[in-house]
Structure formats: C-alpha cells, structure tokens
Amino acid sequence: MNFDNPTLWPAGTAVRMVKLAAVDDPQHQTCSWDKWKPGQQNEGAPPVDYELRGFLIEPLEIGKPIIVARTHRNGVQVMGTFVSTPVREFKNGAAITMNSIYFISRDEQGSDV
C-alpha cells in the first residue's frame, strides 16, 4: 500500500479525518457546534474540528465523495456512514472537497473496532 498517496488506499483502509476549514465557496454552509445535532439530518456541513475515524468504503478519487464507514465521531464510538461532497483535490495531507478541507490520514489504531 502506498502510504503517501491517499488515492491508492484501497477500500477498507482505516482512516482518520479532521475538518480543518470550509472552502471559500462552499456548496453548503458549515454548521456551528451549537446548531450541529449528531445523528440527525443537519442544515449544513459538519462544524470545523469535526473528527471521525473509520474505514474507507470506496477508494478515494477526485470528483467523487469520500465515503467512510464511521466507527468514531469526536472520540466517541458511534457507528454510521460519512459521505462528503465530491473531492476537488488532494494536497499536502488534505482532502479538499466542494465544501470542506479535511486532514486525512491512515488510522494507525485501526479505528479500534
């Protein structure tokens, strides 16, 4: 497995993602933490500093969303599915989507599941 190029990580790779920022021209506005309701359909994108751990359901590809079988959200074990907006580019350890900038790395702890 190529550790430096996330587009070569296969489905099933354990990952950790942290939302670093919204992009300048987001498709959806980023929620504030006081308006974000975990486990519910929200009117916007996850807040900045949102963290998740889980496993890639599909390999990462420009033009497609990041899809993760989530095992943890903000340090708490919470099973679910995370789907981002389509990826614009991968750059310096970040996945830049149509909405957000995420730090993305392989999860050395294997998501503890």
PDB file of N, CA and C in Angstrom:
ATOM      1  N   MET A   1       0.853  -1.183   0.000  1.00  0.00           N
ATOM      2  CA  MET A   1       0.000   0.000   0.000  1.00  0.00           C
ATOM      3  C   MET A   1       0.894   1.239   0.000  1.00  0.00           C
ATOM      4  N   ASN A   2       0.524   2.216  -0.812  1.00  0.00           N
ATOM      5  CA  ASN A   2       1.256   3.474  -0.859  1.00  0.00           C
ATOM      6  C   ASN A   2       0.726   4.381   0.246  1.00  0.00           C
ATOM      7  N   PHE A   3       1.571   4.713   1.212  1.00  0.00           N
ATOM      8  CA  PHE A   3       1.144   5.473   2.375  1.00  0.00           C
ATOM      9  C   PHE A   3       1.037   6.972   2.100  1.00  0.00           C
ATOM     10  N   ASP A   4       1.733   7.457   1.059  1.00  0.00           N
ATOM     11  CA  ASP A   4       1.774   8.884   0.793  1.00  0.00           C
ATOM     12  C   ASP A   4       0.647   9.374  -0.109  1.00  0.00           C
ATOM     13  N   ASN A   5       0.120   8.514  -0.954  1.00  0.00           N
ATOM     14  CA  ASN A   5      -0.890   8.913  -1.922  1.00  0.00           C
ATOM     15  C   ASN A   5      -2.240   8.312  -1.533  1.00  0.00           C
ATOM     16  N   PRO A   6      -3.141   9.116  -0.962  1.00  0.00           N
ATOM     17  CA  PRO A   6      -4.409   8.555  -0.486  1.00  0.00           C
ATOM     18  C   PRO A   6      -5.277   7.983  -1.598  1.00  0.00           C
ATOM     19  N   THR A   7      -5.043   8.389  -2.851  1.00  0.00           N
ATOM     20  CA  THR A   7      -5.846   7.837  -3.941  1.00  0.00           C
ATOM     21  C   THR A   7      -5.484   6.380  -4.228  1.00  0.00           C
ATOM     22  N   LEU A   8      -4.410   5.894  -3.620  1.00  0.00           N
ATOM     23  CA  LEU A   8      -4.024   4.498  -3.798  1.00  0.00           C
ATOM     24  C   LEU A   8      -4.413   3.630  -2.608  1.00  0.00           C
ATOM     25  N   TRP A   9      -5.047   4.210  -1.591  1.00  0.00           N
ATOM     26  CA  TRP A   9      -5.502   3.427  -0.449  1.00  0.00           C
ATOM     27  C   TRP A   9      -6.727   2.621  -0.868  1.00  0.00           C
ATOM     28  N   PRO A  10      -6.736   1.325  -0.627  1.00  0.00           N
ATOM     29  CA  PRO A  10      -7.889   0.515  -1.040  1.00  0.00           C
ATOM     30  C   PRO A  10      -9.074   0.665  -0.086  1.00  0.00           C
ATOM     31  N   ALA A  11     -10.242   0.256  -0.556  1.00  0.00           N
ATOM     32  CA  ALA A  11     -11.414   0.172   0.316  1.00  0.00           C
ATOM     33  C   ALA A  11     -11.015  -0.659   1.527  1.00  0.00           C
ATOM     34  N   GLY A  12     -11.521  -0.298   2.684  1.00  0.00           N
ATOM     35  CA  GLY A  12     -11.188  -1.000   3.922  1.00  0.00           C
ATOM     36  C   GLY A  12     -10.043  -0.379   4.692  1.00  0.00           C
ATOM     37  N   THR A  13      -9.339   0.594   4.106  1.00  0.00           N
ATOM     38  CA  THR A  13      -8.251   1.272   4.811  1.00  0.00           C
ATOM     39  C   THR A  13      -8.820   2.054   5.988  1.00  0.00           C
ATOM     40  N   ALA A  14      -8.223   1.872   7.161  1.00  0.00           N
ATOM     41  CA  ALA A  14      -8.629   2.640   8.342  1.00  0.00           C
ATOM     42  C   ALA A  14      -8.124   4.074   8.184  1.00  0.00           C
ATOM     43  N   VAL A  15      -9.033   5.048   8.379  1.00  0.00           N
ATOM     44  CA  VAL A  15      -8.674   6.451   8.196  1.00  0.00           C
ATOM     45  C   VAL A  15      -9.132   7.282   9.380  1.00  0.00           C
ATOM     46  N   ARG A  16      -8.479   8.420   9.512  1.00  0.00           N
ATOM     47  CA  ARG A  16      -8.869   9.458  10.464  1.00  0.00           C
ATOM     48  C   ARG A  16      -8.997  10.734   9.664  1.00  0.00           C
ATOM     49  N   MET A  17     -10.103  11.451   9.866  1.00  0.00           N
ATOM     50  CA  MET A  17     -10.335  12.708   9.163  1.00  0.00           C
ATOM     51  C   MET A  17     -10.701  13.784  10.172  1.00  0.00           C
ATOM     52  N   VAL A  18     -10.154  14.980   9.970  1.00  0.00           N
ATOM     53  CA  VAL A  18     -10.486  16.140  10.804  1.00  0.00           C
ATOM     54  C   VAL A  18     -10.814  17.287   9.862  1.00  0.00           C
ATOM     55  N   LYS A  19     -11.990  17.901  10.065  1.00  0.00           N
ATOM     56  CA  LYS A  19     -12.349  19.054   9.240  1.00  0.00           C
ATOM     57  C   LYS A  19     -11.548  20.249   9.729  1.00  0.00           C
ATOM     58  N   LEU A  20     -10.703  20.765   8.850  1.00  0.00           N
ATOM     59  CA  LEU A  20      -9.841  21.891   9.190  1.00  0.00           C
ATOM     60  C   LEU A  20     -10.507  23.234   8.914  1.00  0.00           C
ATOM     61  N   ALA A  21     -11.317  23.285   7.841  1.00  0.00           N
ATOM     62  CA  ALA A  21     -11.926  24.559   7.438  1.00  0.00           C
ATOM     63  C   ALA A  21     -12.967  24.307   6.367  1.00  0.00           C
ATOM     64  N   ALA A  22     -13.771  25.323   6.121  1.00  0.00           N
ATOM     65  CA  ALA A  22     -14.646  25.333   4.956  1.00  0.00           C
ATOM     66  C   ALA A  22     -13.856  25.948   3.803  1.00  0.00           C
ATOM     67  N   VAL A  23     -14.199  25.586   2.585  1.00  0.00           N
ATOM     68  CA  VAL A  23     -13.568  26.219   1.430  1.00  0.00           C
ATOM     69  C   VAL A  23     -14.174  27.614   1.255  1.00  0.00           C
ATOM     70  N   ASP A  24     -13.556  28.430   0.412  1.00  0.00           N
ATOM     71  CA  ASP A  24     -14.016  29.808   0.225  1.00  0.00           C
ATOM     72  C   ASP A  24     -15.412  29.899  -0.396  1.00  0.00           C
ATOM     73  N   ASP A  25     -15.767  28.931  -1.228  1.00  0.00           N
ATOM     74  CA  ASP A  25     -17.060  28.968  -1.929  1.00  0.00           C
ATOM     75  C   ASP A  25     -17.805  27.645  -1.721  1.00  0.00           C
ATOM     76  N   PRO A  26     -18.208  27.334  -0.474  1.00  0.00           N
ATOM     77  CA  PRO A  26     -18.811  26.034  -0.172  1.00  0.00           C
ATOM     78  C   PRO A  26     -20.196  25.850  -0.787  1.00  0.00           C
ATOM     79  N   GLN A  27     -20.509  24.595  -1.118  1.00  0.00           N
ATOM     80  CA  GLN A  27     -21.864  24.262  -1.572  1.00  0.00           C
ATOM     81  C   GLN A  27     -22.866  24.407  -0.432  1.00  0.00           C
ATOM     82  N   HIS A  28     -22.434  24.057   0.773  1.00  0.00           N
ATOM     83  CA  HIS A  28     -23.281  24.119   1.967  1.00  0.00           C
ATOM     84  C   HIS A  28     -22.523  24.847   3.063  1.00  0.00           C
ATOM     85  N   GLN A  29     -23.194  25.692   3.800  1.00  0.00           N
ATOM     86  CA  GLN A  29     -22.564  26.407   4.896  1.00  0.00           C
ATOM     87  C   GLN A  29     -22.204  25.440   6.023  1.00  0.00           C
ATOM     88  N   THR A  30     -21.124  25.712   6.708  1.00  0.00           N
ATOM     89  CA  THR A  30     -20.684  24.902   7.840  1.00  0.00           C
ATOM     90  C   THR A  30     -21.506  25.265   9.069  1.00  0.00           C
ATOM     91  N   CYS A  31     -22.002  24.250   9.758  1.00  0.00           N
ATOM     92  CA  CYS A  31     -22.772  24.466  10.994  1.00  0.00           C
ATOM     93  C   CYS A  31     -21.845  24.907  12.121  1.00  0.00           C
ATOM     94  N   SER A  32     -22.403  25.633  13.049  1.00  0.00           N
ATOM     95  CA  SER A  32     -21.679  25.913  14.288  1.00  0.00           C
ATOM     96  C   SER A  32     -21.940  24.742  15.236  1.00  0.00           C
ATOM     97  N   TRP A  33     -21.096  24.582  16.235  1.00  0.00           N
ATOM     98  CA  TRP A  33     -21.266  23.462  17.164  1.00  0.00           C
ATOM     99  C   TRP A  33     -22.574  23.551  17.931  1.00  0.00           C
ATOM    100  N   ASP A  34     -23.061  24.756  18.208  1.00  0.00           N
ATOM    101  CA  ASP A  34     -24.313  24.866  18.962  1.00  0.00           C
ATOM    102  C   ASP A  34     -25.542  24.497  18.124  1.00  0.00           C
ATOM    103  N   LYS A  35     -25.405  24.463  16.789  1.00  0.00           N
ATOM    104  CA  LYS A  35     -26.524  24.081  15.923  1.00  0.00           C
ATOM    105  C   LYS A  35     -26.404  22.661  15.377  1.00  0.00           C
ATOM    106  N   TRP A  36     -25.236  22.040  15.525  1.00  0.00           N
ATOM    107  CA  TRP A  36     -24.997  20.690  14.988  1.00  0.00           C
ATOM    108  C   TRP A  36     -25.661  19.651  15.887  1.00  0.00           C
ATOM    109  N   LYS A  37     -26.451  18.783  15.302  1.00  0.00           N
ATOM    110  CA  LYS A  37     -27.152  17.734  16.040  1.00  0.00           C
ATOM    111  C   LYS A  37     -26.652  16.371  15.563  1.00  0.00           C
ATOM    112  N   PRO A  38     -25.731  15.747  16.314  1.00  0.00           N
ATOM    113  CA  PRO A  38     -25.200  14.453  15.911  1.00  0.00           C
ATOM    114  C   PRO A  38     -26.309  13.414  15.719  1.00  0.00           C
ATOM    115  N   GLY A  39     -26.168  12.627  14.660  1.00  0.00           N
ATOM    116  CA  GLY A  39     -27.118  11.556  14.406  1.00  0.00           C
ATOM    117  C   GLY A  39     -28.395  12.007  13.726  1.00  0.00           C
ATOM    118  N   GLN A  40     -28.486  13.300  13.383  1.00  0.00           N
ATOM    119  CA  GLN A  40     -29.678  13.816  12.724  1.00  0.00           C
ATOM    120  C   GLN A  40     -29.289  14.460  11.396  1.00  0.00           C
ATOM    121  N   GLN A  41     -30.270  14.653  10.530  1.00  0.00           N
ATOM    122  CA  GLN A  41     -30.047  15.391   9.290  1.00  0.00           C
ATOM    123  C   GLN A  41     -29.889  16.862   9.658  1.00  0.00           C
ATOM    124  N   ASN A  42     -28.751  17.445   9.338  1.00  0.00           N
ATOM    125  CA  ASN A  42     -28.472  18.834   9.696  1.00  0.00           C
ATOM    126  C   ASN A  42     -28.587  19.735   8.476  1.00  0.00           C
ATOM    127  N   GLU A  43     -28.857  20.991   8.705  1.00  0.00           N
ATOM    128  CA  GLU A  43     -28.957  22.001   7.649  1.00  0.00           C
ATOM    129  C   GLU A  43     -27.587  22.596   7.371  1.00  0.00           C
ATOM    130  N   GLY A  44     -26.654  21.798   6.981  1.00  0.00           N
ATOM    131  CA  GLY A  44     -25.324  22.293   6.673  1.00  0.00           C
ATOM    132  C   GLY A  44     -24.286  21.218   6.876  1.00  0.00           C
ATOM    133  N   ALA A  45     -23.048  21.605   6.664  1.00  0.00           N
ATOM    134  CA  ALA A  45     -21.919  20.692   6.767  1.00  0.00           C
ATOM    135  C   ALA A  45     -21.439  20.591   8.215  1.00  0.00           C
ATOM    136  N   PRO A  46     -20.711  19.506   8.545  1.00  0.00           N
ATOM    137  CA  PRO A  46     -20.184  19.375   9.910  1.00  0.00           C
ATOM    138  C   PRO A  46     -19.331  20.582  10.307  1.00  0.00           C
ATOM    139  N   PRO A  47     -19.329  20.914  11.594  1.00  0.00           N
ATOM    140  CA  PRO A  47     -18.527  22.045  12.082  1.00  0.00           C
ATOM    141  C   PRO A  47     -17.022  21.820  11.894  1.00  0.00           C
ATOM    142  N   VAL A  48     -16.270  22.905  11.903  1.00  0.00           N
ATOM    143  CA  VAL A  48     -14.807  22.813  11.881  1.00  0.00           C
ATOM    144  C   VAL A  48     -14.368  22.098  13.155  1.00  0.00           C
ATOM    145  N   ASP A  49     -13.328  21.295  13.051  1.00  0.00           N
ATOM    146  CA  ASP A  49     -12.773  20.450  14.110  1.00  0.00           C
ATOM    147  C   ASP A  49     -13.564  19.160  14.305  1.00  0.00           C
ATOM    148  N   TYR A  50     -14.574  18.914  13.467  1.00  0.00           N
ATOM    149  CA  TYR A  50     -15.266  17.629  13.466  1.00  0.00           C
ATOM    150  C   TYR A  50     -14.233  16.556  13.131  1.00  0.00           C
ATOM    151  N   GLU A  51     -14.203  15.493  13.915  1.00  0.00           N
ATOM    152  CA  GLU A  51     -13.239  14.406  13.690  1.00  0.00           C
ATOM    153  C   GLU A  51     -13.982  13.092  13.563  1.00  0.00           C
ATOM    154  N   LEU A  52     -13.526  12.276  12.626  1.00  0.00           N
ATOM    155  CA  LEU A  52     -14.092  10.940  12.512  1.00  0.00           C
ATOM    156  C   LEU A  52     -12.991   9.931  12.234  1.00  0.00           C
ATOM    157  N   ARG A  53     -13.276   8.708  12.623  1.00  0.00           N
ATOM    158  CA  ARG A  53     -12.404   7.571  12.331  1.00  0.00           C
ATOM    159  C   ARG A  53     -13.287   6.475  11.778  1.00  0.00           C
ATOM    160  N   GLY A  54     -12.736   5.699  10.881  1.00  0.00           N
ATOM    161  CA  GLY A  54     -13.492   4.597  10.302  1.00  0.00           C
ATOM    162  C   GLY A  54     -12.719   3.957   9.174  1.00  0.00           C
ATOM    163  N   PHE A  55     -13.462   3.367   8.236  1.00  0.00           N
ATOM    164  CA  PHE A  55     -12.868   2.603   7.140  1.00  0.00           C
ATOM    165  C   PHE A  55     -13.424   3.093   5.814  1.00  0.00           C
ATOM    166  N   LEU A  56     -12.537   3.264   4.835  1.00  0.00           N
ATOM    167  CA  LEU A  56     -12.993   3.674   3.507  1.00  0.00           C
ATOM    168  C   LEU A  56     -13.927   2.617   2.935  1.00  0.00           C
ATOM    169  N   ILE A  57     -15.069   3.039   2.452  1.00  0.00           N
ATOM    170  CA  ILE A  57     -15.981   2.122   1.778  1.00  0.00           C
ATOM    171  C   ILE A  57     -15.578   1.997   0.315  1.00  0.00           C
ATOM    172  N   GLU A  58     -15.081   3.077  -0.248  1.00  0.00           N
ATOM    173  CA  GLU A  58     -14.585   3.093  -1.621  1.00  0.00           C
ATOM    174  C   GLU A  58     -13.224   3.782  -1.628  1.00  0.00           C
ATOM    175  N   PRO A  59     -12.372   3.458  -2.597  1.00  0.00           N
ATOM    176  CA  PRO A  59     -11.111   4.191  -2.707  1.00  0.00           C
ATOM    177  C   PRO A  59     -11.378   5.679  -2.946  1.00  0.00           C
ATOM    178  N   LEU A  60     -10.432   6.516  -2.562  1.00  0.00           N
ATOM    179  CA  LEU A  60     -10.548   7.965  -2.726  1.00  0.00           C
ATOM    180  C   LEU A  60     -10.264   8.347  -4.174  1.00  0.00           C
ATOM    181  N   GLU A  61     -11.085   9.256  -4.694  1.00  0.00           N
ATOM    182  CA  GLU A  61     -10.935   9.644  -6.092  1.00  0.00           C
ATOM    183  C   GLU A  61     -11.431  11.072  -6.283  1.00  0.00           C
ATOM    184  N   ILE A  62     -10.684  11.853  -7.045  1.00  0.00           N
ATOM    185  CA  ILE A  62     -11.112  13.211  -7.370  1.00  0.00           C
ATOM    186  C   ILE A  62     -12.426  13.126  -8.146  1.00  0.00           C
ATOM    187  N   GLY A  63     -13.367  14.004  -7.767  1.00  0.00           N
ATOM    188  CA  GLY A  63     -14.666  14.035  -8.424  1.00  0.00           C
ATOM    189  C   GLY A  63     -15.719  13.178  -7.755  1.00  0.00           C
ATOM    190  N   LYS A  64     -15.312  12.377  -6.764  1.00  0.00           N
ATOM    191  CA  LYS A  64     -16.256  11.525  -6.040  1.00  0.00           C
ATOM    192  C   LYS A  64     -16.236  11.875  -4.553  1.00  0.00           C
ATOM    193  N   PRO A  65     -17.334  11.610  -3.853  1.00  0.00           N
ATOM    194  CA  PRO A  65     -17.326  11.883  -2.408  1.00  0.00           C
ATOM    195  C   PRO A  65     -16.445  10.891  -1.661  1.00  0.00           C
ATOM    196  N   ILE A  66     -16.005  11.310  -0.485  1.00  0.00           N
ATOM    197  CA  ILE A  66     -15.319  10.403   0.437  1.00  0.00           C
ATOM    198  C   ILE A  66     -16.413   9.672   1.205  1.00  0.00           C
ATOM    199  N   ILE A  67     -16.380   8.358   1.197  1.00  0.00           N
ATOM    200  CA  ILE A  67     -17.393   7.565   1.886  1.00  0.00           C
ATOM    201  C   ILE A  67     -16.681   6.685   2.906  1.00  0.00           C
ATOM    202  N   VAL A  68     -17.026   6.885   4.173  1.00  0.00           N
ATOM    203  CA  VAL A  68     -16.365   6.192   5.278  1.00  0.00           C
ATOM    204  C   VAL A  68     -17.407   5.485   6.146  1.00  0.00           C
ATOM    205  N   ALA A  69     -17.142   4.231   6.455  1.00  0.00           N
ATOM    206  CA  ALA A  69     -17.919   3.533   7.478  1.00  0.00           C
ATOM    207  C   ALA A  69     -17.357   4.027   8.800  1.00  0.00           C
ATOM    208  N   ARG A  70     -18.056   4.987   9.402  1.00  0.00           N
ATOM    209  CA  ARG A  70     -17.551   5.659  10.602  1.00  0.00           C
ATOM    210  C   ARG A  70     -17.696   4.749  11.816  1.00  0.00           C
ATOM    211  N   THR A  71     -16.634   4.717  12.612  1.00  0.00           N
ATOM    212  CA  THR A  71     -16.662   3.980  13.878  1.00  0.00           C
ATOM    213  C   THR A  71     -16.615   4.930  15.069  1.00  0.00           C
ATOM    214  N   HIS A  72     -16.026   6.120  14.870  1.00  0.00           N
ATOM    215  CA  HIS A  72     -15.887   7.108  15.948  1.00  0.00           C
ATOM    216  C   HIS A  72     -16.170   8.500  15.411  1.00  0.00           C
ATOM    217  N   ARG A  73     -16.845   9.296  16.206  1.00  0.00           N
ATOM    218  CA  ARG A  73     -17.086  10.706  15.900  1.00  0.00           C
ATOM    219  C   ARG A  73     -16.659  11.497  17.123  1.00  0.00           C
ATOM    220  N   ASN A  74     -15.695  12.386  16.941  1.00  0.00           N
ATOM    221  CA  ASN A  74     -15.194  13.242  18.021  1.00  0.00           C
ATOM    222  C   ASN A  74     -14.803  12.431  19.253  1.00  0.00           C
ATOM    223  N   GLY A  75     -14.147  11.298  19.021  1.00  0.00           N
ATOM    224  CA  GLY A  75     -13.609  10.482  20.104  1.00  0.00           C
ATOM    225  C   GLY A  75     -14.584   9.520  20.751  1.00  0.00           C
ATOM    226  N   VAL A  76     -15.832   9.513  20.299  1.00  0.00           N
ATOM    227  CA  VAL A  76     -16.846   8.631  20.873  1.00  0.00           C
ATOM    228  C   VAL A  76     -17.201   7.565  19.841  1.00  0.00           C
ATOM    229  N   GLN A  77     -17.282   6.317  20.274  1.00  0.00           N
ATOM    230  CA  GLN A  77     -17.649   5.248  19.349  1.00  0.00           C
ATOM    231  C   GLN A  77     -19.099   5.432  18.908  1.00  0.00           C
ATOM    232  N   VAL A  78     -19.267   5.725  17.616  1.00  0.00           N
ATOM    233  CA  VAL A  78     -20.582   5.941  17.019  1.00  0.00           C
ATOM    234  C   VAL A  78     -20.529   5.376  15.602  1.00  0.00           C
ATOM    235  N   MET A  79     -21.229   4.298  15.372  1.00  0.00           N
ATOM    236  CA  MET A  79     -21.239   3.684  14.054  1.00  0.00           C
ATOM    237  C   MET A  79     -22.134   4.492  13.123  1.00  0.00           C
ATOM    238  N   GLY A  80     -21.759   4.578  11.871  1.00  0.00           N
ATOM    239  CA  GLY A  80     -22.561   5.294  10.887  1.00  0.00           C
ATOM    240  C   GLY A  80     -21.810   5.397   9.577  1.00  0.00           C
ATOM    241  N   THR A  81     -22.354   6.161   8.673  1.00  0.00           N
ATOM    242  CA  THR A  81     -21.720   6.380   7.375  1.00  0.00           C
ATOM    243  C   THR A  81     -21.499   7.867   7.184  1.00  0.00           C
ATOM    244  N   PHE A  82     -20.300   8.231   6.803  1.00  0.00           N
ATOM    245  CA  PHE A  82     -19.952   9.615   6.496  1.00  0.00           C
ATOM    246  C   PHE A  82     -19.797   9.725   4.986  1.00  0.00           C
ATOM    247  N   VAL A  83     -20.440  10.734   4.398  1.00  0.00           N
ATOM    248  CA  VAL A  83     -20.313  10.999   2.964  1.00  0.00           C
ATOM    249  C   VAL A  83     -20.016  12.483   2.798  1.00  0.00           C
ATOM    250  N   SER A  84     -18.898  12.800   2.167  1.00  0.00           N
ATOM    251  CA  SER A  84     -18.530  14.193   1.920  1.00  0.00           C
ATOM    252  C   SER A  84     -19.122  14.659   0.591  1.00  0.00           C
ATOM    253  N   THR A  85     -18.936  15.935   0.295  1.00  0.00           N
ATOM    254  CA  THR A  85     -19.191  16.411  -1.054  1.00  0.00           C
ATOM    255  C   THR A  85     -18.042  15.915  -1.934  1.00  0.00           C
ATOM    256  N   PRO A  86     -18.169  15.972  -3.257  1.00  0.00           N
ATOM    257  CA  PRO A  86     -17.103  15.469  -4.132  1.00  0.00           C
ATOM    258  C   PRO A  86     -15.748  16.143  -3.875  1.00  0.00           C
ATOM    259  N   VAL A  87     -14.693  15.372  -4.037  1.00  0.00           N
ATOM    260  CA  VAL A  87     -13.324  15.841  -3.813  1.00  0.00           C
ATOM    261  C   VAL A  87     -12.844  16.667  -5.002  1.00  0.00           C
ATOM    262  N   ARG A  88     -12.301  17.845  -4.694  1.00  0.00           N
ATOM    263  CA  ARG A  88     -11.690  18.701  -5.717  1.00  0.00           C
ATOM    264  C   ARG A  88     -10.234  18.285  -5.953  1.00  0.00           C
ATOM    265  N   GLU A  89      -9.514  18.079  -4.828  1.00  0.00           N
ATOM    266  CA  GLU A  89      -8.098  17.717  -4.943  1.00  0.00           C
ATOM    267  C   GLU A  89      -7.584  17.164  -3.623  1.00  0.00           C
ATOM    268  N   PHE A  90      -6.459  16.476  -3.714  1.00  0.00           N
ATOM    269  CA  PHE A  90      -5.719  16.014  -2.545  1.00  0.00           C
ATOM    270  C   PHE A  90      -4.410  16.781  -2.554  1.00  0.00           C
ATOM    271  N   LYS A  91      -4.076  17.395  -1.414  1.00  0.00           N
ATOM    272  CA  LYS A  91      -2.889  18.252  -1.379  1.00  0.00           C
ATOM    273  C   LYS A  91      -2.317  18.289   0.028  1.00  0.00           C
ATOM    274  N   ASN A  92      -1.050  17.932   0.183  1.00  0.00           N
ATOM    275  CA  ASN A  92      -0.330  18.041   1.456  1.00  0.00           C
ATOM    276  C   ASN A  92      -1.080  17.409   2.631  1.00  0.00           C
ATOM    277  N   GLY A  93      -1.611  16.208   2.432  1.00  0.00           N
ATOM    278  CA  GLY A  93      -2.305  15.510   3.507  1.00  0.00           C
ATOM    279  C   GLY A  93      -3.736  15.956   3.715  1.00  0.00           C
ATOM    280  N   ALA A  94      -4.230  16.818   2.823  1.00  0.00           N
ATOM    281  CA  ALA A  94      -5.603  17.292   2.934  1.00  0.00           C
ATOM    282  C   ALA A  94      -6.427  16.791   1.757  1.00  0.00           C
ATOM    283  N   ALA A  95      -7.684  16.515   2.054  1.00  0.00           N
ATOM    284  CA  ALA A  95      -8.673  16.244   1.025  1.00  0.00           C
ATOM    285  C   ALA A  95      -9.531  17.500   0.936  1.00  0.00           C
ATOM    286  N   ILE A  96      -9.533  18.132  -0.214  1.00  0.00           N
ATOM    287  CA  ILE A  96     -10.288  19.366  -0.396  1.00  0.00           C
ATOM    288  C   ILE A  96     -11.526  19.009  -1.205  1.00  0.00           C
ATOM    289  N   THR A  97     -12.685  19.123  -0.560  1.00  0.00           N
ATOM    290  CA  THR A  97     -13.940  18.778  -1.215  1.00  0.00           C
ATOM    291  C   THR A  97     -14.611  20.049  -1.728  1.00  0.00           C
ATOM    292  N   MET A  98     -15.801  19.904  -2.279  1.00  0.00           N
ATOM    293  CA  MET A  98     -16.554  21.060  -2.749  1.00  0.00           C
ATOM    294  C   MET A  98     -16.991  21.946  -1.583  1.00  0.00           C
ATOM    295  N   ASN A  99     -16.871  21.406  -0.372  1.00  0.00           N
ATOM    296  CA  ASN A  99     -17.377  22.127   0.791  1.00  0.00           C
ATOM    297  C   ASN A  99     -16.327  22.385   1.871  1.00  0.00           C
ATOM    298  N   SER A 100     -15.412  21.428   2.049  1.00  0.00           N
ATOM    299  CA  SER A 100     -14.555  21.450   3.237  1.00  0.00           C
ATOM    300  C   SER A 100     -13.124  21.045   2.919  1.00  0.00           C
ATOM    301  N   ILE A 101     -12.259  21.357   3.863  1.00  0.00           N
ATOM    302  CA  ILE A 101     -10.871  20.906   3.812  1.00  0.00           C
ATOM    303  C   ILE A 101     -10.679  19.966   4.994  1.00  0.00           C
ATOM    304  N   TYR A 102     -10.337  18.718   4.694  1.00  0.00           N
ATOM    305  CA  TYR A 102     -10.151  17.699   5.721  1.00  0.00           C
ATOM    306  C   TYR A 102      -8.696  17.251   5.744  1.00  0.00           C
ATOM    307  N   PHE A 103      -8.109  17.176   6.932  1.00  0.00           N
ATOM    308  CA  PHE A 103      -6.862  16.448   7.105  1.00  0.00           C
ATOM    309  C   PHE A 103      -7.265  14.982   7.034  1.00  0.00           C
ATOM    310  N   ILE A 104      -6.589  14.198   6.233  1.00  0.00           N
ATOM    311  CA  ILE A 104      -6.913  12.781   6.128  1.00  0.00           C
ATOM    312  C   ILE A 104      -5.632  11.971   6.232  1.00  0.00           C
ATOM    313  N   SER A 105      -5.681  10.952   7.078  1.00  0.00           N
ATOM    314  CA  SER A 105      -4.513  10.099   7.266  1.00  0.00           C
ATOM    315  C   SER A 105      -4.961   8.665   7.513  1.00  0.00           C
ATOM    316  N   ARG A 106      -4.042   7.766   7.305  1.00  0.00           N
ATOM    317  CA  ARG A 106      -4.311   6.383   7.692  1.00  0.00           C
ATOM    318  C   ARG A 106      -4.391   6.353   9.202  1.00  0.00           C
ATOM    319  N   ASP A 107      -5.313   5.569   9.735  1.00  0.00           N
ATOM    320  CA  ASP A 107      -5.512   5.488  11.184  1.00  0.00           C
ATOM    321  C   ASP A 107      -4.688   4.329  11.703  1.00  0.00           C
ATOM    322  N   GLU A 108      -3.582   4.650  12.346  1.00  0.00           N
ATOM    323  CA  GLU A 108      -2.669   3.620  12.842  1.00  0.00           C
ATOM    324  C   GLU A 108      -3.324   2.746  13.924  1.00  0.00           C
ATOM    325  N   GLN A 109      -4.344   3.261  14.596  1.00  0.00           N
ATOM    326  CA  GLN A 109      -5.029   2.489  15.636  1.00  0.00           C
ATOM    327  C   GLN A 109      -6.060   1.563  15.025  1.00  0.00           C
ATOM    328  N   GLY A 110      -6.288   1.643  13.700  1.00  0.00           N
ATOM    329  CA  GLY A 110      -7.222   0.762  13.028  1.00  0.00           C
ATOM    330  C   GLY A 110      -8.654   0.977  13.458  1.00  0.00           C
ATOM    331  N   SER A 111      -8.971   2.137  13.971  1.00  0.00           N
ATOM    332  CA  SER A 111     -10.309   2.524  14.399  1.00  0.00           C
ATOM    333  C   SER A 111     -10.858   1.701  15.558  1.00  0.00           C
ATOM    334  N   ASP A 112     -10.019   0.900  16.194  1.00  0.00           N
ATOM    335  CA  ASP A 112     -10.384   0.162  17.427  1.00  0.00           C
ATOM    336  C   ASP A 112     -11.675  -0.622  17.312  1.00  0.00           C
ATOM    337  N   VAL A 113     -11.959  -1.194  16.150  1.00  0.00           N
ATOM    338  CA  VAL A 113     -13.167  -1.998  16.019  1.00  0.00           C
ATOM    339  C   VAL A 113     -12.785  -3.392  15.590  1.00  0.00           C
TER     340      VAL A 113
END
